[in-house]
Protein backbone atom coordinates (compact mmCIF):
# COMPACT_ATOMS: atom_id res chain seq x y z
CA UNK A 1 65.86 -24.56 26.62
CA UNK A 2 66.58 -23.93 30.25
CA UNK A 3 64.30 -25.18 32.99
CA UNK A 4 64.36 -21.96 35.03
CA UNK A 5 63.53 -18.46 33.89
CA UNK A 6 66.48 -17.29 36.04
CA UNK A 7 68.86 -19.09 33.67
CA UNK A 8 67.59 -17.21 30.63
CA UNK A 9 70.02 -14.48 29.56
CA UNK A 10 67.11 -12.37 28.35
CA UNK A 11 65.56 -12.44 31.83
CA UNK A 12 68.92 -11.52 33.39
CA UNK A 13 69.43 -8.62 30.97
CA UNK A 14 65.89 -7.39 31.51
CA UNK A 15 66.46 -7.42 35.28
CA UNK A 16 69.56 -5.28 34.73
CA UNK A 17 67.47 -2.88 32.67
CA UNK A 18 64.89 -2.61 35.47
CA UNK A 19 67.60 -1.66 37.97
CA UNK A 20 69.05 0.93 35.60
CA UNK A 21 65.61 2.40 34.87
CA UNK A 22 64.99 2.76 38.60
CA UNK A 23 68.36 4.46 39.02
CA UNK A 24 67.87 7.05 36.29
CA UNK A 25 64.22 7.76 37.02
CA UNK A 26 65.17 8.57 40.59
CA UNK A 27 66.45 11.85 39.14
CA UNK A 28 63.21 12.71 37.32
CA UNK A 29 61.26 15.71 38.63
CA UNK A 30 59.07 14.92 41.63
CA UNK A 31 56.08 16.09 39.61
CA UNK A 32 56.56 12.98 37.43
CA UNK A 33 56.35 10.50 40.32
CA UNK A 34 52.88 9.35 39.28
CA UNK A 35 53.38 10.10 35.61
CA UNK A 36 56.35 9.17 33.46
CA UNK A 37 58.44 7.78 36.33
CA UNK A 38 55.73 5.31 37.30
CA UNK A 39 54.93 4.44 33.68
CA UNK A 40 58.49 3.66 32.60
CA UNK A 41 59.17 1.67 35.74
CA UNK A 42 56.04 -0.43 35.25
CA UNK A 43 56.93 -1.09 31.62
CA UNK A 44 60.45 -2.16 32.57
CA UNK A 45 59.26 -4.40 35.42
CA UNK A 46 56.76 -6.02 33.06
CA UNK A 47 59.53 -7.43 30.86
CA UNK A 48 61.22 -9.89 33.26
CA UNK A 49 57.87 -10.50 34.98
CA UNK A 50 56.28 -11.73 31.75
CA UNK A 51 59.31 -13.85 30.91
CA UNK A 52 59.18 -15.47 34.35
CA UNK A 53 55.43 -16.00 34.30
CA UNK A 54 55.43 -17.52 30.85
CA UNK A 55 58.43 -19.80 31.34
CA UNK A 56 56.53 -22.40 33.34
CA UNK A 57 53.73 -22.70 30.81
CA UNK A 58 53.29 -24.41 27.46
CA UNK A 59 55.36 -23.19 24.52
CA UNK A 60 52.28 -21.52 23.04
CA UNK A 61 51.58 -19.65 26.28
CA UNK A 62 55.27 -18.84 26.75
CA UNK A 63 55.31 -17.30 23.28
CA UNK A 64 52.34 -15.14 24.20
CA UNK A 65 54.09 -13.91 27.36
CA UNK A 66 57.28 -13.23 25.39
CA UNK A 67 55.28 -11.13 22.93
CA UNK A 68 53.86 -9.21 25.88
CA UNK A 69 57.40 -8.71 27.22
CA UNK A 70 58.54 -7.44 23.84
CA UNK A 71 55.66 -4.97 23.77
CA UNK A 72 56.72 -3.73 27.20
CA UNK A 73 60.28 -3.26 25.93
CA UNK A 74 58.95 -1.11 23.10
CA UNK A 75 56.80 0.82 25.56
CA UNK A 76 59.84 1.49 27.76
CA UNK A 77 61.86 2.58 24.71
CA UNK A 78 59.17 5.09 23.82
CA UNK A 79 59.11 6.42 27.35
CA UNK A 80 62.90 6.78 27.34
CA UNK A 81 62.57 8.83 24.16
CA UNK A 82 59.92 11.00 25.84
CA UNK A 83 62.15 11.49 28.89
CA UNK A 84 65.03 12.48 26.61
CA UNK A 85 62.90 15.02 24.75
CA UNK A 86 61.74 16.47 28.06
CA UNK A 87 65.41 16.64 29.11
CA UNK A 88 64.84 14.36 32.11
CA UNK A 89 67.60 12.11 30.75
CA UNK A 90 71.03 12.93 29.41
CA UNK A 91 71.69 11.72 25.88
CA UNK A 92 74.24 9.17 27.12
CA UNK A 93 71.76 7.73 29.63
CA UNK A 94 69.06 7.46 26.99
CA UNK A 95 71.45 5.77 24.54
CA UNK A 96 72.51 3.27 27.20
CA UNK A 97 68.90 2.40 28.01
CA UNK A 98 67.86 2.23 24.36
CA UNK A 99 70.81 -0.03 23.52
CA UNK A 100 69.92 -2.38 26.38
CA UNK A 101 66.26 -2.41 25.36
CA UNK A 102 67.18 -3.12 21.75
CA UNK A 103 69.37 -6.04 22.80
CA UNK A 104 66.56 -7.45 24.96
CA UNK A 105 64.12 -7.10 22.07
CA UNK A 106 66.50 -9.01 19.77
CA UNK A 107 66.95 -11.69 22.42
CA UNK A 108 63.19 -12.05 22.84
CA UNK A 109 62.89 -12.46 19.06
CA UNK A 110 65.53 -15.19 19.23
CA UNK A 111 63.65 -17.10 21.92
CA UNK A 112 60.39 -16.69 20.00
CA UNK A 113 62.05 -18.00 16.83
CA UNK A 114 63.50 -20.98 18.71
CA UNK A 115 60.10 -21.83 20.18
CA UNK A 116 58.53 -21.57 16.73
CA UNK A 117 61.17 -23.88 15.24
CA UNK A 118 60.72 -26.38 18.07
CA UNK A 119 56.98 -26.49 17.51
CA UNK A 120 57.37 -27.07 13.76
CA UNK A 121 59.85 -29.92 14.22
CA UNK A 122 58.49 -32.21 16.95
């Protein structure tokens, strides 16, 4: 395992997702500024934030933060789906975001599995 959260590919990918979420939500209706726009941005920001916060802690605590990050990924996915249904996003934009979120979720599962294996085999 890496010593810095910045070296984790999952953190890097989640940072990319945050930037993309900010880009696409900039086109949402102004009436959504304090609604869906704010909600999806907070969910996206929560992913790399939880990874970073948990990285410096024990494996047990890190796992807890990774689970929180994964929940935030799922929250952002749901909000992307809502934005698509409301026609705030084009289908291609939604697919891009959902694909990135799915990859991040898989990567988080991989880190969680590695931590679990490490703790079983001291």
